[in-house]
Amino acid sequence: MKEMEKTEETRGRGPAPALLVPQLRAAVQAAPKNRLGIRNRAIVLLHFALTAREHQVAYLRLRHIVEVEHGLEVDIRVSKIKPRKVKVPYGSRPSTCPVRAWRTWKAAANLTDPDDFAFKPLHNRWHTPLAGGLDPETIGTITTELAARAELLQRYTGHSPRRGAAEESRRAGNDRKVIAKQGGWVENSAAMEGYFEAGEGWEENAMIGVL
């Protein structure tokens, strides 16, 4: 796990593909219509909105996620660089809104203990919440499995929401400093710039209008 953090998660062959918004929407819409699906939708949407690493989602406690007027304030205590507080606004679509998804999961799981994990394992048959939390690998597997259910063409991993959130924010015209703050990167991070380089070349391409 530590080696993956150092290399910004390179499982399998090459870096994880970015889970962009169209694929994110398809993935969460493919979630089953039960408590398991409610939990997994909330995990993937919050993972994306926080521009987080898998372990940062796994180790969230209920007290770390606070509902405020404009959405959520999330206190990420476990971080490779330093702890940070991330603001998550309401999404423009209810079906892919991380705030609404979190609220729905919290109610469905009847989460009340502030010291309990925000995301919990569920009984295999009844999907009732069990003791403890999820490990980082499971957080990543949830993204992979939802993407597979949606029959997406690429194999997305647990690092894909982080890459996708950064890239979509860049495309939206947000300042590099704003993106770095959301994802916990240092200013002028080489890792973050590497994400952008991988996603560039489509808006301005030599073949546009040629073929």
Foldseek 3Di string as FASTA:
>chain_A
DVVCVVVLHDPDPGRFAACADVLLLLLLVLFDPDLRSLLLLLLLLVCLQLLEALQQLFAFFQLQWDADDFATWGWRCDDPPGTAIADQGFDPDCSRGNRNSLVVNCVNQVDDDRGARSAAAADPPPGHGDGHTDHSQVSFVSSQVSSVSSVPDDRGTRNNSSLNSLQVCVVVVDDQVVNCNSYVHDPPHPVSVVSNVVVPQVVDHPCVVPD
